[in-house]
Amino acid sequence: MAGSNHGHTPAAWTGVTIAFIGFCVAGVFMVAANPLGFVAGLAIILLGGIVGAAMKAAGLGMPRESEAQVRARAQAGRAQATAQPAAAQQATAQPAAAQASS
């Protein structure tokens, strides 16, 4: 996950912040038994999604990966998966070699 920048964009932060405020508003009005305020909170939540999508469309979201980047990421994942069993074999062989020399 270190190579991922998922969600760390102005569009994501702004959309989630607005939606969180809407959630808080809806929660307060739900407890207060005020249906109109609750619906207003739901509208704010939807507004957060719209604002986030608009900001992403304006270029403030994550850029799309090229096809070459997708292929390279898949190839690196396959290489890592084949390297892990070899590393596990070496780790189990080292204690056995240490016991044999004792």
N, C-alpha and C. Protein backbone atom coordinates (compact mmCIF):
# COMPACT_ATOMS: atom_id res chain seq x y z
N MET A 1 0.80 -1.20 0.00
CA MET A 1 0.00 0.00 0.00
C MET A 1 0.85 1.27 0.00
N ALA A 2 2.14 1.13 0.23
CA ALA A 2 2.97 2.32 0.31
C ALA A 2 3.00 3.07 -1.01
N GLY A 3 2.83 2.37 -2.12
CA GLY A 3 2.86 3.02 -3.41
C GLY A 3 1.52 3.64 -3.79
N SER A 4 0.53 3.52 -2.94
CA SER A 4 -0.80 4.04 -3.25
C SER A 4 -1.00 5.39 -2.58
N ASN A 5 -1.70 6.25 -3.26
CA ASN A 5 -2.03 7.56 -2.72
C ASN A 5 -3.55 7.68 -2.63
N HIS A 6 -4.20 6.57 -2.38
CA HIS A 6 -5.65 6.48 -2.41
C HIS A 6 -6.30 7.43 -1.41
N GLY A 7 -7.09 8.36 -1.91
CA GLY A 7 -7.87 9.24 -1.06
C GLY A 7 -7.15 10.47 -0.54
N HIS A 8 -5.88 10.63 -0.83
CA HIS A 8 -5.14 11.77 -0.32
C HIS A 8 -5.12 12.90 -1.36
N THR A 9 -6.31 13.38 -1.70
CA THR A 9 -6.44 14.45 -2.69
C THR A 9 -7.37 15.52 -2.14
N PRO A 10 -7.26 16.74 -2.66
CA PRO A 10 -8.19 17.79 -2.21
C PRO A 10 -9.65 17.42 -2.48
N ALA A 11 -9.93 16.75 -3.59
CA ALA A 11 -11.30 16.37 -3.91
C ALA A 11 -11.85 15.40 -2.86
N ALA A 12 -11.06 14.41 -2.49
CA ALA A 12 -11.51 13.42 -1.51
C ALA A 12 -11.70 14.06 -0.13
N TRP A 13 -10.74 14.85 0.30
CA TRP A 13 -10.84 15.47 1.62
C TRP A 13 -12.04 16.40 1.70
N THR A 14 -12.27 17.20 0.67
CA THR A 14 -13.38 18.14 0.69
C THR A 14 -14.73 17.41 0.67
N GLY A 15 -14.86 16.43 -0.21
CA GLY A 15 -16.11 15.68 -0.29
C GLY A 15 -16.44 14.96 1.01
N VAL A 16 -15.45 14.33 1.60
CA VAL A 16 -15.67 13.60 2.85
C VAL A 16 -15.97 14.56 4.00
N THR A 17 -15.32 15.69 4.05
CA THR A 17 -15.57 16.67 5.11
C THR A 17 -17.00 17.20 5.03
N ILE A 18 -17.45 17.53 3.83
CA ILE A 18 -18.82 18.02 3.67
C ILE A 18 -19.82 16.93 4.05
N ALA A 19 -19.56 15.69 3.60
CA ALA A 19 -20.46 14.59 3.93
C ALA A 19 -20.49 14.33 5.43
N PHE A 20 -19.35 14.45 6.10
CA PHE A 20 -19.30 14.26 7.55
C PHE A 20 -20.13 15.33 8.27
N ILE A 21 -20.04 16.56 7.81
CA ILE A 21 -20.85 17.63 8.39
C ILE A 21 -22.33 17.32 8.19
N GLY A 22 -22.69 16.84 7.01
CA GLY A 22 -24.08 16.46 6.75
C GLY A 22 -24.53 15.33 7.65
N PHE A 23 -23.65 14.37 7.89
CA PHE A 23 -23.97 13.26 8.80
C PHE A 23 -24.23 13.78 10.21
N CYS A 24 -23.40 14.71 10.66
CA CYS A 24 -23.60 15.28 12.00
C CYS A 24 -24.91 16.05 12.08
N VAL A 25 -25.22 16.84 11.05
CA VAL A 25 -26.48 17.60 11.03
C VAL A 25 -27.67 16.65 11.05
N ALA A 26 -27.62 15.62 10.21
CA ALA A 26 -28.73 14.66 10.17
C ALA A 26 -28.88 13.94 11.50
N GLY A 27 -27.76 13.61 12.14
CA GLY A 27 -27.82 12.94 13.43
C GLY A 27 -28.44 13.80 14.51
N VAL A 28 -28.08 15.06 14.55
CA VAL A 28 -28.63 15.97 15.57
C VAL A 28 -30.14 16.13 15.37
N PHE A 29 -30.56 16.32 14.12
CA PHE A 29 -31.98 16.52 13.87
C PHE A 29 -32.78 15.23 14.01
N MET A 30 -32.14 14.08 13.82
CA MET A 30 -32.84 12.83 14.04
C MET A 30 -33.15 12.66 15.53
N VAL A 31 -32.17 12.97 16.37
CA VAL A 31 -32.37 12.88 17.82
C VAL A 31 -33.40 13.91 18.27
N ALA A 32 -33.40 15.08 17.63
CA ALA A 32 -34.34 16.13 18.00
C ALA A 32 -35.73 15.90 17.40
N ALA A 33 -35.91 14.82 16.66
CA ALA A 33 -37.19 14.47 16.04
C ALA A 33 -37.70 15.58 15.12
N ASN A 34 -36.78 16.11 14.32
CA ASN A 34 -37.13 17.15 13.37
C ASN A 34 -36.87 16.60 11.96
N PRO A 35 -37.92 16.13 11.27
CA PRO A 35 -37.72 15.50 9.96
C PRO A 35 -37.15 16.44 8.91
N LEU A 36 -37.54 17.70 8.94
CA LEU A 36 -37.04 18.65 7.94
C LEU A 36 -35.52 18.84 8.09
N GLY A 37 -35.04 18.98 9.32
CA GLY A 37 -33.60 19.11 9.55
C GLY A 37 -32.85 17.85 9.16
N PHE A 38 -33.46 16.69 9.41
CA PHE A 38 -32.85 15.42 9.03
C PHE A 38 -32.68 15.33 7.51
N VAL A 39 -33.71 15.72 6.79
CA VAL A 39 -33.63 15.71 5.32
C VAL A 39 -32.59 16.72 4.83
N ALA A 40 -32.48 17.84 5.52
CA ALA A 40 -31.45 18.82 5.15
C ALA A 40 -30.06 18.22 5.35
N GLY A 41 -29.86 17.45 6.42
CA GLY A 41 -28.58 16.77 6.63
C GLY A 41 -28.29 15.77 5.53
N LEU A 42 -29.31 15.04 5.10
CA LEU A 42 -29.12 14.10 3.98
C LEU A 42 -28.74 14.84 2.70
N ALA A 43 -29.35 16.01 2.49
CA ALA A 43 -29.02 16.82 1.32
C ALA A 43 -27.56 17.28 1.37
N ILE A 44 -27.07 17.62 2.56
CA ILE A 44 -25.67 18.03 2.70
C ILE A 44 -24.75 16.86 2.39
N ILE A 45 -25.14 15.65 2.82
CA ILE A 45 -24.33 14.46 2.51
C ILE A 45 -24.22 14.29 1.00
N LEU A 46 -25.34 14.40 0.30
CA LEU A 46 -25.33 14.29 -1.16
C LEU A 46 -24.51 15.41 -1.80
N LEU A 47 -24.59 16.59 -1.22
CA LEU A 47 -23.80 17.72 -1.72
C LEU A 47 -22.30 17.41 -1.63
N GLY A 48 -21.89 16.74 -0.56
CA GLY A 48 -20.48 16.37 -0.41
C GLY A 48 -20.03 15.46 -1.54
N GLY A 49 -20.87 14.51 -1.92
CA GLY A 49 -20.53 13.64 -3.04
C GLY A 49 -20.44 14.39 -4.35
N ILE A 50 -21.36 15.32 -4.56
CA ILE A 50 -21.36 16.11 -5.79
C ILE A 50 -20.14 17.01 -5.86
N VAL A 51 -19.81 17.67 -4.75
CA VAL A 51 -18.64 18.56 -4.72
C VAL A 51 -17.36 17.75 -4.96
N GLY A 52 -17.25 16.59 -4.32
CA GLY A 52 -16.07 15.75 -4.53
C GLY A 52 -15.93 15.31 -5.98
N ALA A 53 -17.03 14.90 -6.60
CA ALA A 53 -16.99 14.49 -8.00
C ALA A 53 -16.64 15.67 -8.92
N ALA A 54 -17.19 16.85 -8.62
CA ALA A 54 -16.89 18.03 -9.44
C ALA A 54 -15.41 18.41 -9.32
N MET A 55 -14.87 18.32 -8.10
CA MET A 55 -13.46 18.66 -7.92
C MET A 55 -12.56 17.64 -8.62
N LYS A 56 -12.96 16.37 -8.60
CA LYS A 56 -12.20 15.35 -9.31
C LYS A 56 -12.22 15.63 -10.81
N ALA A 57 -13.39 16.01 -11.33
CA ALA A 57 -13.50 16.33 -12.76
C ALA A 57 -12.67 17.56 -13.11
N ALA A 58 -12.48 18.44 -12.14
CA ALA A 58 -11.68 19.65 -12.37
C ALA A 58 -10.17 19.37 -12.27
N GLY A 59 -9.80 18.13 -11.96
CA GLY A 59 -8.38 17.79 -11.93
C GLY A 59 -7.77 17.74 -10.54
N LEU A 60 -8.59 17.81 -9.50
CA LEU A 60 -8.05 17.80 -8.15
C LEU A 60 -8.12 16.42 -7.50
N GLY A 61 -8.44 15.39 -8.28
CA GLY A 61 -8.49 14.03 -7.78
C GLY A 61 -7.27 13.24 -8.22
N MET A 62 -7.34 11.93 -8.04
CA MET A 62 -6.24 11.06 -8.43
C MET A 62 -6.17 10.94 -9.95
N PRO A 63 -4.98 11.05 -10.54
CA PRO A 63 -4.87 10.81 -11.98
C PRO A 63 -5.02 9.33 -12.27
N ARG A 64 -5.55 9.01 -13.43
CA ARG A 64 -5.71 7.61 -13.83
C ARG A 64 -4.34 7.05 -14.21
N GLU A 65 -4.16 5.75 -13.89
CA GLU A 65 -2.91 5.08 -14.26
C GLU A 65 -2.94 4.73 -15.74
N SER A 66 -1.77 4.82 -16.37
CA SER A 66 -1.68 4.40 -17.76
C SER A 66 -1.68 2.88 -17.83
N GLU A 67 -1.91 2.35 -19.01
CA GLU A 67 -1.92 0.89 -19.19
C GLU A 67 -0.56 0.30 -18.85
N ALA A 68 0.52 1.02 -19.16
CA ALA A 68 1.87 0.54 -18.84
C ALA A 68 2.07 0.44 -17.33
N GLN A 69 1.54 1.40 -16.57
CA GLN A 69 1.66 1.35 -15.11
C GLN A 69 0.87 0.18 -14.54
N VAL A 70 -0.30 -0.11 -15.09
CA VAL A 70 -1.10 -1.23 -14.62
C VAL A 70 -0.37 -2.54 -14.86
N ARG A 71 0.22 -2.71 -16.07
CA ARG A 71 0.98 -3.92 -16.39
C ARG A 71 2.19 -4.06 -15.48
N ALA A 72 2.91 -2.96 -15.23
CA ALA A 72 4.10 -3.01 -14.38
C ALA A 72 3.74 -3.38 -12.95
N ARG A 73 2.63 -2.86 -12.44
CA ARG A 73 2.19 -3.19 -11.08
C ARG A 73 1.82 -4.67 -10.98
N ALA A 74 1.14 -5.19 -12.00
CA ALA A 74 0.77 -6.61 -12.00
C ALA A 74 2.01 -7.50 -12.07
N GLN A 75 2.97 -7.12 -12.90
CA GLN A 75 4.20 -7.89 -13.03
C GLN A 75 5.00 -7.88 -11.72
N ALA A 76 5.05 -6.74 -11.06
CA ALA A 76 5.76 -6.66 -9.78
C ALA A 76 5.07 -7.51 -8.73
N GLY A 77 3.74 -7.55 -8.73
CA GLY A 77 3.01 -8.39 -7.79
C GLY A 77 3.28 -9.86 -8.01
N ARG A 78 3.35 -10.28 -9.29
CA ARG A 78 3.66 -11.68 -9.59
C ARG A 78 5.08 -12.02 -9.17
N ALA A 79 6.02 -11.12 -9.41
CA ALA A 79 7.42 -11.37 -9.03
C ALA A 79 7.55 -11.46 -7.51
N GLN A 80 6.83 -10.65 -6.79
CA GLN A 80 6.88 -10.69 -5.33
C GLN A 80 6.26 -11.98 -4.81
N ALA A 81 5.19 -12.43 -5.44
CA ALA A 81 4.53 -13.67 -5.00
C ALA A 81 5.43 -14.87 -5.21
N THR A 82 6.22 -14.89 -6.28
CA THR A 82 7.11 -16.03 -6.52
C THR A 82 8.36 -15.93 -5.65
N ALA A 83 8.74 -14.75 -5.22
CA ALA A 83 9.92 -14.59 -4.37
C ALA A 83 9.63 -14.95 -2.91
N GLN A 84 8.42 -14.81 -2.47
CA GLN A 84 8.08 -15.09 -1.07
C GLN A 84 8.27 -16.56 -0.69
N PRO A 85 7.85 -17.55 -1.49
CA PRO A 85 8.09 -18.95 -1.10
C PRO A 85 9.59 -19.27 -1.00
N ALA A 86 10.42 -18.69 -1.88
CA ALA A 86 11.86 -18.93 -1.83
C ALA A 86 12.45 -18.36 -0.54
N ALA A 87 11.97 -17.20 -0.12
CA ALA A 87 12.46 -16.59 1.12
C ALA A 87 12.03 -17.43 2.32
N ALA A 88 10.84 -18.00 2.27
CA ALA A 88 10.38 -18.85 3.37
C ALA A 88 11.20 -20.12 3.46
N GLN A 89 11.60 -20.68 2.32
CA GLN A 89 12.44 -21.88 2.33
C GLN A 89 13.81 -21.58 2.93
N GLN A 90 14.37 -20.43 2.61
CA GLN A 90 15.68 -20.05 3.16
C GLN A 90 15.57 -19.85 4.67
N ALA A 91 14.47 -19.26 5.13
CA ALA A 91 14.31 -19.01 6.56
C ALA A 91 14.19 -20.32 7.33
N THR A 92 13.54 -21.34 6.76
CA THR A 92 13.43 -22.62 7.45
C THR A 92 14.71 -23.43 7.35
N ALA A 93 15.49 -23.21 6.32
CA ALA A 93 16.74 -23.95 6.15
C ALA A 93 17.82 -23.44 7.09
N GLN A 94 17.82 -22.18 7.44
CA GLN A 94 18.86 -21.61 8.30
C GLN A 94 18.84 -22.20 9.70
N PRO A 95 17.70 -22.34 10.39
CA PRO A 95 17.73 -22.96 11.72
C PRO A 95 18.16 -24.42 11.66
N ALA A 96 17.78 -25.14 10.62
CA ALA A 96 18.18 -26.53 10.50
C ALA A 96 19.69 -26.64 10.34
N ALA A 97 20.30 -25.76 9.58
CA ALA A 97 21.74 -25.76 9.39
C ALA A 97 22.46 -25.41 10.68
N ALA A 98 21.88 -24.52 11.48
CA ALA A 98 22.49 -24.15 12.75
C ALA A 98 22.45 -25.33 13.73
N GLN A 99 21.38 -26.11 13.72
CA GLN A 99 21.29 -27.27 14.61
C GLN A 99 22.24 -28.37 14.18
N ALA A 100 22.45 -28.54 12.90
CA ALA A 100 23.34 -29.57 12.39
C ALA A 100 24.79 -29.27 12.78
N SER A 101 25.18 -28.01 12.83
CA SER A 101 26.56 -27.65 13.14
C SER A 101 26.83 -27.70 14.64
N SER A 102 25.79 -27.75 15.48
CA SER A 102 25.97 -27.77 16.92
C SER A 102 26.38 -29.10 17.45
